[in-house]
Amino acid sequence: GRTAAAVGRFDGLVTLTDVTRPQQPVALPVPFAVGSGTGTAFAFSPDGRTLAFATWPHLVLWDVTDRTRPALLATLNNVVPWGGSVAAFSPDGHTLVTGADRILTLWDMTNRSAPAKLGTLAGHTDRVESLAFSPDGRTVATGSRDATAMLWNVSEPARPRRIASLADHDHAVTALAFSPDGRTLATGDNEYELVLWDTTNPAAPIRLISMRGPGDDAVRGILFKRDGRTLAVTVNANERNNTADMNRASVTLWSYAKLHGILADPAEYACTATGRGLDAEEWARYIPELPYRRTCTR
């Protein structure tokens, strides 16, 4: 929680910084020149001892146990396609997912000096923009420029399979995140629309609610706080805005505490909200994801 990895957009310098001493970054050993404007992605292992760096066409791993003396562990060449990269470790640290363009690769990280390719995730029709593991490590969520998010069962990383496709966005899905209990997935797009999904059963996700932020900026990051009540969303100007606007950025906090009550007893909530409940036709119109239940029966 106190170390940041970064790459210079123009000089390609890769650094590790203790945020308590931001003026003293440490240069990471890189056995090649990082191209200007090349899509890049970093991922720290859960134990904080390994840093992965995906950039066309390489995958690099460092041992960062000693932050002042990072050591190169492995360099894999010609494994990352051209395009904006994504990367994430599984919660147990045994698997790494990397990708660019439309294809993602799962790596066995048992030996971090010699990662082995396990399988691939292929299904999106445009570049993958976002990636996240569920807290139990059994599911990977991906978001793409094709305006969809997909859920993949990776409980057997050598045989991953797509289990759901979420097509509720009209624009590129640029960020996503699971809640700490894994029961909710948040997806955000390039026009600041957020959608919350019930992923209690990842093979049958239920759309819960759609929220629009101020303006039409692109969602770049989503984080569920561990209080189970708050969602933090970072945004900045999307690609069609001019260069000056690209410096505009913000963080918004959303409360979703009331959503828990609705999920616990939607019929009771309908009774309270309407005073008479919903008939079958109204239920089908407003809550099509859930089977009909009589309301206001008392």
C-alpha atoms as a PDB file:
ATOM      1  CA  GLY A   1       0.000   0.000   0.000  1.00  0.00           C
ATOM      2  CA  ARG A   2       2.950   2.381  -0.100  1.00  0.00           C
ATOM      3  CA  THR A   3       4.720   1.584  -3.375  1.00  0.00           C
ATOM      4  CA  ALA A   4       3.882   2.895  -6.850  1.00  0.00           C
ATOM      5  CA  ALA A   5       5.187   1.698 -10.218  1.00  0.00           C
ATOM      6  CA  ALA A   6       5.196   4.043 -13.202  1.00  0.00           C
ATOM      7  CA  VAL A   7       6.501   4.410 -16.733  1.00  0.00           C
ATOM      8  CA  GLY A   8       7.343   7.714 -18.413  1.00  0.00           C
ATOM      9  CA  ARG A   9       5.032   8.372 -21.320  1.00  0.00           C
ATOM     10  CA  PHE A  10       7.756   9.925 -23.450  1.00  0.00           C
ATOM     11  CA  ASP A  11      11.080   8.772 -21.991  1.00  0.00           C
ATOM     12  CA  GLY A  12      10.036   5.158 -21.281  1.00  0.00           C
ATOM     13  CA  LEU A  13      11.722   5.218 -17.847  1.00  0.00           C
ATOM     14  CA  VAL A  14      10.243   2.576 -15.515  1.00  0.00           C
ATOM     15  CA  THR A  15      10.410   3.453 -11.816  1.00  0.00           C
ATOM     16  CA  LEU A  16       9.427   2.199  -8.384  1.00  0.00           C
ATOM     17  CA  THR A  17       8.590   4.810  -5.750  1.00  0.00           C
ATOM     18  CA  ASP A  18       7.976   4.646  -2.011  1.00  0.00           C
ATOM     19  CA  VAL A  19       5.112   7.144  -1.713  1.00  0.00           C
ATOM     20  CA  THR A  20       6.423   8.281   1.673  1.00  0.00           C
ATOM     21  CA  ARG A  21       9.570   9.436  -0.197  1.00  0.00           C
ATOM     22  CA  PRO A  22       8.210  10.522  -3.593  1.00  0.00           C
ATOM     23  CA  GLN A  23      11.375  12.434  -4.518  1.00  0.00           C
ATOM     24  CA  GLN A  24      13.471   9.232  -4.482  1.00  0.00           C
ATOM     25  CA  PRO A  25      12.208   6.915  -7.261  1.00  0.00           C
ATOM     26  CA  VAL A  26      14.248   3.807  -8.063  1.00  0.00           C
ATOM     27  CA  ALA A  27      14.806   2.894 -11.710  1.00  0.00           C
ATOM     28  CA  LEU A  28      13.800  -0.666 -12.584  1.00  0.00           C
ATOM     29  CA  PRO A  29      16.156  -2.679 -14.809  1.00  0.00           C
ATOM     30  CA  VAL A  30      14.540  -3.026 -18.245  1.00  0.00           C
ATOM     31  CA  PRO A  31      16.406  -5.055 -20.912  1.00  0.00           C
ATOM     32  CA  PHE A  32      14.832  -3.145 -23.804  1.00  0.00           C
ATOM     33  CA  ALA A  33      13.678   0.343 -24.756  1.00  0.00           C
ATOM     34  CA  VAL A  34      10.049   1.098 -23.892  1.00  0.00           C
ATOM     35  CA  GLY A  35       8.497   2.795 -26.916  1.00  0.00           C
ATOM     36  CA  SER A  36       6.849   6.202 -26.644  1.00  0.00           C
ATOM     37  CA  GLY A  37       3.069   5.896 -26.540  1.00  0.00           C
ATOM     38  CA  THR A  38       3.175   2.108 -26.164  1.00  0.00           C
ATOM     39  CA  GLY A  39       0.287   0.685 -24.134  1.00  0.00           C
ATOM     40  CA  THR A  40       1.503  -0.524 -20.749  1.00  0.00           C
ATOM     41  CA  ALA A  41       0.130  -2.220 -17.639  1.00  0.00           C
ATOM     42  CA  PHE A  42       1.533  -3.002 -14.184  1.00  0.00           C
ATOM     43  CA  ALA A  43       0.372  -5.561 -11.624  1.00  0.00           C
ATOM     44  CA  PHE A  44       1.754  -6.251  -8.157  1.00  0.00           C
ATOM     45  CA  SER A  45       1.415  -9.783  -6.805  1.00  0.00           C
ATOM     46  CA  PRO A  46      -0.802 -10.045  -3.695  1.00  0.00           C
ATOM     47  CA  ASP A  47       2.235 -10.629  -1.465  1.00  0.00           C
ATOM     48  CA  GLY A  48       3.848  -7.476  -2.860  1.00  0.00           C
ATOM     49  CA  ARG A  49       7.064  -9.299  -3.749  1.00  0.00           C
ATOM     50  CA  THR A  50       6.663  -9.414  -7.541  1.00  0.00           C
ATOM     51  CA  LEU A  51       5.865  -6.733 -10.102  1.00  0.00           C
ATOM     52  CA  ALA A  52       4.649  -7.624 -13.612  1.00  0.00           C
ATOM     53  CA  PHE A  53       4.948  -5.190 -16.522  1.00  0.00           C
ATOM     54  CA  ALA A  54       3.187  -5.830 -19.841  1.00  0.00           C
ATOM     55  CA  THR A  55       4.146  -3.711 -22.822  1.00  0.00           C
ATOM     56  CA  TRP A  56       4.264  -4.577 -26.500  1.00  0.00           C
ATOM     57  CA  PRO A  57       5.714  -7.091 -27.179  1.00  0.00           C
ATOM     58  CA  HIS A  58       7.195  -8.042 -23.783  1.00  0.00           C
ATOM     59  CA  LEU A  59       6.221  -9.325 -20.346  1.00  0.00           C
ATOM     60  CA  VAL A  60       8.716  -8.461 -17.584  1.00  0.00           C
ATOM     61  CA  LEU A  61       8.798  -9.653 -13.980  1.00  0.00           C
ATOM     62  CA  TRP A  62      10.825  -8.132 -11.155  1.00  0.00           C
ATOM     63  CA  ASP A  63      11.476  -9.212  -7.580  1.00  0.00           C
ATOM     64  CA  VAL A  64      10.674  -6.061  -5.593  1.00  0.00           C
ATOM     65  CA  THR A  65      11.015  -7.548  -2.105  1.00  0.00           C
ATOM     66  CA  ASP A  66      13.739  -4.974  -1.502  1.00  0.00           C
ATOM     67  CA  ARG A  67      12.225  -1.826  -2.982  1.00  0.00           C
ATOM     68  CA  THR A  68      15.628  -0.136  -3.115  1.00  0.00           C
ATOM     69  CA  ARG A  69      17.234  -2.973  -5.109  1.00  0.00           C
ATOM     70  CA  PRO A  70      14.651  -4.489  -7.476  1.00  0.00           C
ATOM     71  CA  ALA A  71      15.934  -7.526  -9.367  1.00  0.00           C
ATOM     72  CA  LEU A  72      14.931  -8.714 -12.817  1.00  0.00           C
ATOM     73  CA  LEU A  73      13.262 -12.138 -12.652  1.00  0.00           C
ATOM     74  CA  ALA A  74      12.175 -12.876 -16.217  1.00  0.00           C
ATOM     75  CA  THR A  75      11.621 -11.317 -19.622  1.00  0.00           C
ATOM     76  CA  LEU A  76       9.294 -12.963 -22.123  1.00  0.00           C
ATOM     77  CA  ASN A  77       9.485 -11.609 -25.663  1.00  0.00           C
ATOM     78  CA  ASN A  78       6.809 -11.533 -28.359  1.00  0.00           C
ATOM     79  CA  VAL A  79       3.997 -12.441 -25.945  1.00  0.00           C
ATOM     80  CA  VAL A  80       2.047  -9.142 -25.705  1.00  0.00           C
ATOM     81  CA  PRO A  81       0.223  -7.936 -28.856  1.00  0.00           C
ATOM     82  CA  TRP A  82       0.192  -4.295 -29.921  1.00  0.00           C
ATOM     83  CA  GLY A  83      -2.412  -2.174 -28.145  1.00  0.00           C
ATOM     84  CA  GLY A  84      -3.335  -0.914 -24.710  1.00  0.00           C
ATOM     85  CA  SER A  85      -2.273  -3.549 -22.183  1.00  0.00           C
ATOM     86  CA  VAL A  86      -4.023  -4.955 -19.104  1.00  0.00           C
ATOM     87  CA  ALA A  87      -2.651  -7.169 -16.329  1.00  0.00           C
ATOM     88  CA  ALA A  88      -3.836  -8.681 -13.036  1.00  0.00           C
ATOM     89  CA  PHE A  89      -2.695 -11.308 -10.535  1.00  0.00           C
ATOM     90  CA  SER A  90      -5.146 -13.800  -9.067  1.00  0.00           C
ATOM     91  CA  PRO A  91      -5.789 -13.329  -5.317  1.00  0.00           C
ATOM     92  CA  ASP A  92      -3.574 -16.327  -4.471  1.00  0.00           C
ATOM     93  CA  GLY A  93      -0.796 -15.065  -6.743  1.00  0.00           C
ATOM     94  CA  HIS A  94      -0.601 -18.345  -8.663  1.00  0.00           C
ATOM     95  CA  THR A  95      -1.991 -16.953 -11.928  1.00  0.00           C
ATOM     96  CA  LEU A  96      -1.331 -13.807 -13.928  1.00  0.00           C
ATOM     97  CA  VAL A  97      -3.582 -12.573 -16.735  1.00  0.00           C
ATOM     98  CA  THR A  98      -2.147 -10.255 -19.369  1.00  0.00           C
ATOM     99  CA  GLY A  99      -3.554  -8.976 -22.593  1.00  0.00           C
ATOM    100  CA  ALA A 100      -3.705  -6.432 -25.339  1.00  0.00           C
ATOM    101  CA  ASP A 101      -6.032  -6.100 -28.271  1.00  0.00           C
ATOM    102  CA  ARG A 102      -8.765  -8.805 -28.056  1.00  0.00           C
ATOM    103  CA  ILE A 103      -6.888 -11.770 -26.552  1.00  0.00           C
ATOM    104  CA  LEU A 104      -5.840 -12.363 -22.943  1.00  0.00           C
ATOM    105  CA  THR A 105      -3.320 -14.929 -21.727  1.00  0.00           C
ATOM    106  CA  LEU A 106      -3.234 -16.789 -18.413  1.00  0.00           C
ATOM    107  CA  TRP A 107       0.203 -17.551 -16.964  1.00  0.00           C
ATOM    108  CA  ASP A 108       1.247 -20.077 -14.315  1.00  0.00           C
ATOM    109  CA  MET A 109       3.267 -18.084 -11.777  1.00  0.00           C
ATOM    110  CA  THR A 110       4.396 -21.016  -9.623  1.00  0.00           C
ATOM    111  CA  ASN A 111       7.949 -20.261 -10.735  1.00  0.00           C
ATOM    112  CA  ARG A 112       8.047 -16.503 -11.215  1.00  0.00           C
ATOM    113  CA  SER A 113      11.444 -16.758 -12.893  1.00  0.00           C
ATOM    114  CA  ALA A 114       9.896 -18.917 -15.626  1.00  0.00           C
ATOM    115  CA  PRO A 115       6.144 -18.231 -16.055  1.00  0.00           C
ATOM    116  CA  ALA A 116       4.358 -20.797 -18.209  1.00  0.00           C
ATOM    117  CA  LYS A 117       1.433 -20.103 -20.538  1.00  0.00           C
ATOM    118  CA  LEU A 118      -1.774 -21.835 -19.399  1.00  0.00           C
ATOM    119  CA  GLY A 119      -4.613 -20.715 -21.664  1.00  0.00           C
ATOM    120  CA  THR A 120      -6.283 -17.784 -23.403  1.00  0.00           C
ATOM    121  CA  LEU A 121      -9.498 -15.785 -23.125  1.00  0.00           C
ATOM    122  CA  ALA A 122     -10.883 -14.991 -26.572  1.00  0.00           C
ATOM    123  CA  GLY A 123     -14.370 -13.636 -27.251  1.00  0.00           C
ATOM    124  CA  HIS A 124     -14.335  -9.849 -27.435  1.00  0.00           C
ATOM    125  CA  THR A 125     -14.595  -8.246 -30.869  1.00  0.00           C
ATOM    126  CA  ASP A 126     -12.532  -5.174 -29.994  1.00  0.00           C
ATOM    127  CA  ARG A 127      -9.661  -4.248 -27.684  1.00  0.00           C
ATOM    128  CA  VAL A 128      -9.902  -5.231 -24.011  1.00  0.00           C
ATOM    129  CA  GLU A 129      -9.734  -2.120 -21.811  1.00  0.00           C
ATOM    130  CA  SER A 130     -10.234  -3.479 -18.285  1.00  0.00           C
ATOM    131  CA  LEU A 131      -9.680  -6.635 -16.253  1.00  0.00           C
ATOM    132  CA  ALA A 132     -10.378  -7.886 -12.714  1.00  0.00           C
ATOM    133  CA  PHE A 133     -10.311 -11.106 -10.706  1.00  0.00           C
ATOM    134  CA  SER A 134     -13.136 -11.960  -8.316  1.00  0.00           C
ATOM    135  CA  PRO A 135     -12.005 -12.201  -4.666  1.00  0.00           C
ATOM    136  CA  ASP A 136     -12.203 -16.015  -4.713  1.00  0.00           C
ATOM    137  CA  GLY A 137     -10.058 -16.138  -7.861  1.00  0.00           C
ATOM    138  CA  ARG A 138     -12.518 -18.329  -9.758  1.00  0.00           C
ATOM    139  CA  THR A 139     -13.867 -15.620 -12.077  1.00  0.00           C
ATOM    140  CA  VAL A 140     -12.245 -13.026 -14.333  1.00  0.00           C
ATOM    141  CA  ALA A 141     -14.223 -10.037 -15.589  1.00  0.00           C
ATOM    142  CA  THR A 142     -13.127  -8.249 -18.759  1.00  0.00           C
ATOM    143  CA  GLY A 143     -14.351  -5.022 -20.356  1.00  0.00           C
ATOM    144  CA  SER A 144     -13.834  -4.062 -23.983  1.00  0.00           C
ATOM    145  CA  ARG A 145     -14.201  -1.356 -26.577  1.00  0.00           C
ATOM    146  CA  ASP A 146     -16.930  -3.549 -28.053  1.00  0.00           C
ATOM    147  CA  ALA A 147     -19.176  -2.133 -25.248  1.00  0.00           C
ATOM    148  CA  THR A 148     -19.486  -5.471 -23.450  1.00  0.00           C
ATOM    149  CA  ALA A 149     -18.154  -6.986 -20.259  1.00  0.00           C
ATOM    150  CA  MET A 150     -17.608 -10.727 -20.040  1.00  0.00           C
ATOM    151  CA  LEU A 151     -17.256 -13.161 -17.154  1.00  0.00           C
ATOM    152  CA  TRP A 152     -14.909 -16.135 -17.420  1.00  0.00           C
ATOM    153  CA  ASN A 153     -14.605 -19.207 -15.218  1.00  0.00           C
ATOM    154  CA  VAL A 154     -10.876 -19.648 -14.562  1.00  0.00           C
ATOM    155  CA  SER A 155     -11.099 -22.177 -11.727  1.00  0.00           C
ATOM    156  CA  GLU A 156      -9.094 -24.390 -14.102  1.00  0.00           C
ATOM    157  CA  PRO A 157      -6.738 -21.829 -15.666  1.00  0.00           C
ATOM    158  CA  ALA A 158      -5.607 -24.229 -18.377  1.00  0.00           C
ATOM    159  CA  ARG A 159      -9.243 -24.594 -19.496  1.00  0.00           C
ATOM    160  CA  PRO A 160     -10.922 -21.192 -19.034  1.00  0.00           C
ATOM    161  CA  ARG A 161     -14.443 -20.726 -20.374  1.00  0.00           C
ATOM    162  CA  ARG A 162     -16.759 -17.777 -20.896  1.00  0.00           C
ATOM    163  CA  ILE A 163     -19.846 -18.004 -18.695  1.00  0.00           C
ATOM    164  CA  ALA A 164     -21.639 -14.675 -19.228  1.00  0.00           C
ATOM    165  CA  SER A 165     -21.723 -11.617 -21.467  1.00  0.00           C
ATOM    166  CA  LEU A 166     -22.979  -8.276 -20.111  1.00  0.00           C
ATOM    167  CA  ALA A 167     -24.197  -5.980 -22.879  1.00  0.00           C
ATOM    168  CA  ASP A 168     -25.814  -3.084 -21.039  1.00  0.00           C
ATOM    169  CA  HIS A 169     -23.378  -0.341 -22.084  1.00  0.00           C
ATOM    170  CA  ASP A 170     -23.487   1.754 -25.243  1.00  0.00           C
ATOM    171  CA  HIS A 171     -19.791   2.650 -25.098  1.00  0.00           C
ATOM    172  CA  ALA A 172     -16.418   1.058 -24.363  1.00  0.00           C
ATOM    173  CA  VAL A 173     -16.233  -0.598 -20.924  1.00  0.00           C
ATOM    174  CA  THR A 174     -13.130   1.146 -19.599  1.00  0.00           C
ATOM    175  CA  ALA A 175     -13.096  -0.002 -15.955  1.00  0.00           C
ATOM    176  CA  LEU A 176     -14.603  -2.671 -13.716  1.00  0.00           C
ATOM    177  CA  ALA A 177     -14.220  -4.058 -10.205  1.00  0.00           C
ATOM    178  CA  PHE A 178     -15.657  -6.689  -7.871  1.00  0.00           C
ATOM    179  CA  SER A 179     -16.858  -5.860  -4.381  1.00  0.00           C
ATOM    180  CA  PRO A 180     -14.804  -7.394  -1.529  1.00  0.00           C
ATOM    181  CA  ASP A 181     -17.384 -10.175  -1.030  1.00  0.00           C
ATOM    182  CA  GLY A 182     -17.521 -10.889  -4.774  1.00  0.00           C
ATOM    183  CA  ARG A 183     -21.300 -10.540  -4.919  1.00  0.00           C
ATOM    184  CA  THR A 184     -21.336  -7.275  -6.878  1.00  0.00           C
ATOM    185  CA  LEU A 185     -19.547  -6.234 -10.061  1.00  0.00           C
ATOM    186  CA  ALA A 186     -19.321  -2.600 -11.123  1.00  0.00           C
ATOM    187  CA  THR A 187     -18.703  -1.738 -14.779  1.00  0.00           C
ATOM    188  CA  GLY A 188     -17.979   1.754 -16.089  1.00  0.00           C
ATOM    189  CA  ASP A 189     -17.792   3.089 -19.613  1.00  0.00           C
ATOM    190  CA  ASN A 190     -16.368   5.875 -21.739  1.00  0.00           C
ATOM    191  CA  GLU A 191     -19.362   8.172 -21.122  1.00  0.00           C
ATOM    192  CA  TYR A 192     -19.455   7.945 -17.295  1.00  0.00           C
ATOM    193  CA  GLU A 193     -22.194   5.367 -16.962  1.00  0.00           C
ATOM    194  CA  LEU A 194     -21.833   2.883 -14.106  1.00  0.00           C
ATOM    195  CA  VAL A 195     -23.757  -0.382 -13.896  1.00  0.00           C
ATOM    196  CA  LEU A 196     -23.902  -2.609 -10.816  1.00  0.00           C
ATOM    197  CA  TRP A 197     -24.463  -6.342 -11.292  1.00  0.00           C
ATOM    198  CA  ASP A 198     -25.372  -9.059  -8.813  1.00  0.00           C
ATOM    199  CA  THR A 199     -22.726 -11.744  -9.398  1.00  0.00           C
ATOM    200  CA  THR A 200     -23.718 -14.104  -6.598  1.00  0.00           C
ATOM    201  CA  ASN A 201     -24.084 -16.608  -9.440  1.00  0.00           C
ATOM    202  CA  PRO A 202     -21.438 -15.481 -11.974  1.00  0.00           C
ATOM    203  CA  ALA A 203     -23.008 -17.602 -14.706  1.00  0.00           C
ATOM    204  CA  ALA A 204     -26.291 -15.689 -14.352  1.00  0.00           C
ATOM    205  CA  PRO A 205     -25.476 -12.073 -13.394  1.00  0.00           C
ATOM    206  CA  ILE A 206     -28.400  -9.764 -12.640  1.00  0.00           C
ATOM    207  CA  ARG A 207     -28.347  -6.086 -13.588  1.00  0.00           C
ATOM    208  CA  LEU A 208     -29.128  -4.099 -10.453  1.00  0.00           C
ATOM    209  CA  ILE A 209     -28.894  -0.419 -11.309  1.00  0.00           C
ATOM    210  CA  SER A 210     -27.411   2.080 -13.753  1.00  0.00           C
ATOM    211  CA  MET A 211     -25.907   5.377 -12.579  1.00  0.00           C
ATOM    212  CA  ARG A 212     -24.694   8.356 -14.579  1.00  0.00           C
ATOM    213  CA  GLY A 213     -22.032  10.685 -13.325  1.00  0.00           C
ATOM    214  CA  PRO A 214     -21.668  14.394 -13.972  1.00  0.00           C
ATOM    215  CA  GLY A 215     -20.519  15.057 -17.512  1.00  0.00           C
ATOM    216  CA  ASP A 216     -19.489  12.479 -20.076  1.00  0.00           C
ATOM    217  CA  ASP A 217     -15.926  11.724 -18.989  1.00  0.00           C
ATOM    218  CA  ALA A 218     -14.440   8.232 -19.226  1.00  0.00           C
ATOM    219  CA  VAL A 219     -14.363   6.003 -16.160  1.00  0.00           C
ATOM    220  CA  ARG A 220     -10.711   4.993 -15.591  1.00  0.00           C
ATOM    221  CA  GLY A 221     -10.813   3.251 -12.242  1.00  0.00           C
ATOM    222  CA  ILE A 222     -13.348   1.717  -9.842  1.00  0.00           C
ATOM    223  CA  LEU A 223     -12.706   0.718  -6.236  1.00  0.00           C
ATOM    224  CA  PHE A 224     -15.117  -0.746  -3.696  1.00  0.00           C
ATOM    225  CA  LYS A 225     -14.247   0.387  -0.183  1.00  0.00           C
ATOM    226  CA  ARG A 226     -14.230  -2.412   2.370  1.00  0.00           C
ATOM    227  CA  ASP A 227     -17.032  -0.756   4.332  1.00  0.00           C
ATOM    228  CA  GLY A 228     -19.517  -2.423   1.959  1.00  0.00           C
ATOM    229  CA  ARG A 229     -21.233   0.923   1.409  1.00  0.00           C
ATOM    230  CA  THR A 230     -19.020   3.117  -0.774  1.00  0.00           C
ATOM    231  CA  LEU A 231     -17.743   3.057  -4.334  1.00  0.00           C
ATOM    232  CA  ALA A 232     -14.901   5.297  -5.541  1.00  0.00           C
ATOM    233  CA  VAL A 233     -14.748   6.165  -9.251  1.00  0.00           C
ATOM    234  CA  THR A 234     -11.935   7.991 -11.048  1.00  0.00           C
ATOM    235  CA  VAL A 235     -12.605   9.684 -14.381  1.00  0.00           C
ATOM    236  CA  ASN A 236     -10.879  11.870 -16.918  1.00  0.00           C
ATOM    237  CA  ALA A 237     -11.680  13.306 -20.311  1.00  0.00           C
ATOM    238  CA  ASN A 238     -12.451  10.738 -22.976  1.00  0.00           C
ATOM    239  CA  GLU A 239     -10.586  10.430 -26.249  1.00  0.00           C
ATOM    240  CA  ARG A 240     -12.746  12.713 -28.344  1.00  0.00           C
ATOM    241  CA  ASN A 241     -12.056  15.751 -26.133  1.00  0.00           C
ATOM    242  CA  ASN A 242      -9.159  18.049 -26.978  1.00  0.00           C
ATOM    243  CA  THR A 243      -5.707  17.895 -25.427  1.00  0.00           C
ATOM    244  CA  ALA A 244      -6.343  20.657 -22.893  1.00  0.00           C
ATOM    245  CA  ASP A 245      -9.346  18.814 -21.511  1.00  0.00           C
ATOM    246  CA  MET A 246      -7.285  15.659 -21.011  1.00  0.00           C
ATOM    247  CA  ASN A 247      -5.816  17.258 -17.876  1.00  0.00           C
ATOM    248  CA  ARG A 248      -9.246  17.329 -16.242  1.00  0.00           C
ATOM    249  CA  ALA A 249      -9.713  14.476 -13.770  1.00  0.00           C
ATOM    250  CA  SER A 250     -11.819  13.757 -10.699  1.00  0.00           C
ATOM    251  CA  VAL A 251     -12.758  11.154  -8.107  1.00  0.00           C
ATOM    252  CA  THR A 252     -16.404  10.629  -7.127  1.00  0.00           C
ATOM    253  CA  LEU A 253     -17.670   8.686  -4.115  1.00  0.00           C
ATOM    254  CA  TRP A 254     -20.992   6.859  -4.460  1.00  0.00           C
ATOM    255  CA  SER A 255     -23.021   5.333  -1.633  1.00  0.00           C
ATOM    256  CA  TYR A 256     -24.789   2.091  -2.488  1.00  0.00           C
ATOM    257  CA  ALA A 257     -25.815   1.193   1.076  1.00  0.00           C
ATOM    258  CA  LYS A 258     -29.563   1.308   0.337  1.00  0.00           C
ATOM    259  CA  LEU A 259     -29.089  -1.224  -2.428  1.00  0.00           C
ATOM    260  CA  HIS A 260     -28.440  -3.933   0.176  1.00  0.00           C
ATOM    261  CA  GLY A 261     -31.908  -3.473   1.653  1.00  0.00           C
ATOM    262  CA  ILE A 262     -33.568  -3.652  -1.743  1.00  0.00           C
ATOM    263  CA  LEU A 263     -31.675  -6.833  -2.594  1.00  0.00           C
ATOM    264  CA  ALA A 264     -32.537  -8.434   0.739  1.00  0.00           C
ATOM    265  CA  ASP A 265     -36.294  -7.971   0.256  1.00  0.00           C
ATOM    266  CA  PRO A 266     -37.367  -6.440  -3.087  1.00  0.00           C
ATOM    267  CA  ALA A 267     -41.028  -7.281  -2.463  1.00  0.00           C
ATOM    268  CA  GLU A 268     -41.071  -5.370   0.820  1.00  0.00           C
ATOM    269  CA  TYR A 269     -39.344  -2.423  -0.809  1.00  0.00           C
ATOM    270  CA  ALA A 270     -41.952  -2.378  -3.585  1.00  0.00           C
ATOM    271  CA  CYS A 271     -44.700  -2.357  -0.978  1.00  0.00           C
ATOM    272  CA  THR A 272     -43.111   0.551   0.897  1.00  0.00           C
ATOM    273  CA  ALA A 273     -42.465   2.569  -2.260  1.00  0.00           C
ATOM    274  CA  THR A 274     -45.905   2.191  -3.828  1.00  0.00           C
ATOM    275  CA  GLY A 275     -48.175   1.687  -0.839  1.00  0.00           C
ATOM    276  CA  ARG A 276     -49.989  -1.084  -2.711  1.00  0.00           C
ATOM    277  CA  GLY A 277     -47.210  -3.209  -4.180  1.00  0.00           C
ATOM    278  CA  LEU A 278     -46.712  -4.299  -7.791  1.00  0.00           C
ATOM    279  CA  ASP A 279     -48.951  -6.494  -9.871  1.00  0.00           C
ATOM    280  CA  ALA A 280     -47.438  -9.097 -12.202  1.00  0.00           C
ATOM    281  CA  GLU A 281     -47.362  -6.740 -15.197  1.00  0.00           C
ATOM    282  CA  GLU A 282     -45.654  -3.950 -13.262  1.00  0.00           C
ATOM    283  CA  TRP A 283     -43.162  -6.399 -11.762  1.00  0.00           C
ATOM    284  CA  ALA A 284     -42.236  -7.654 -15.241  1.00  0.00           C
ATOM    285  CA  ARG A 285     -41.771  -4.065 -16.411  1.00  0.00           C
ATOM    286  CA  TYR A 286     -39.643  -2.800 -13.518  1.00  0.00           C
ATOM    287  CA  ILE A 287     -37.897  -5.896 -12.148  1.00  0.00           C
ATOM    288  CA  PRO A 288     -37.644  -8.307 -15.107  1.00  0.00           C
ATOM    289  CA  GLU A 289     -34.508  -9.921 -13.685  1.00  0.00           C
ATOM    290  CA  LEU A 290     -36.351 -11.445 -10.695  1.00  0.00           C
ATOM    291  CA  PRO A 291     -39.285 -13.895 -10.573  1.00  0.00           C
ATOM    292  CA  TYR A 292     -42.630 -12.357  -9.597  1.00  0.00           C
ATOM    293  CA  ARG A 293     -43.587 -12.233  -5.906  1.00  0.00           C
ATOM    294  CA  ARG A 294     -46.739 -10.830  -4.386  1.00  0.00           C
ATOM    295  CA  THR A 295     -46.189  -7.669  -2.414  1.00  0.00           C
ATOM    296  CA  CYS A 296     -48.054  -5.963   0.459  1.00  0.00           C
ATOM    297  CA  THR A 297     -49.542  -9.274   1.583  1.00  0.00           C
ATOM    298  CA  ARG A 298     -49.803  -8.235   5.227  1.00  0.00           C
END
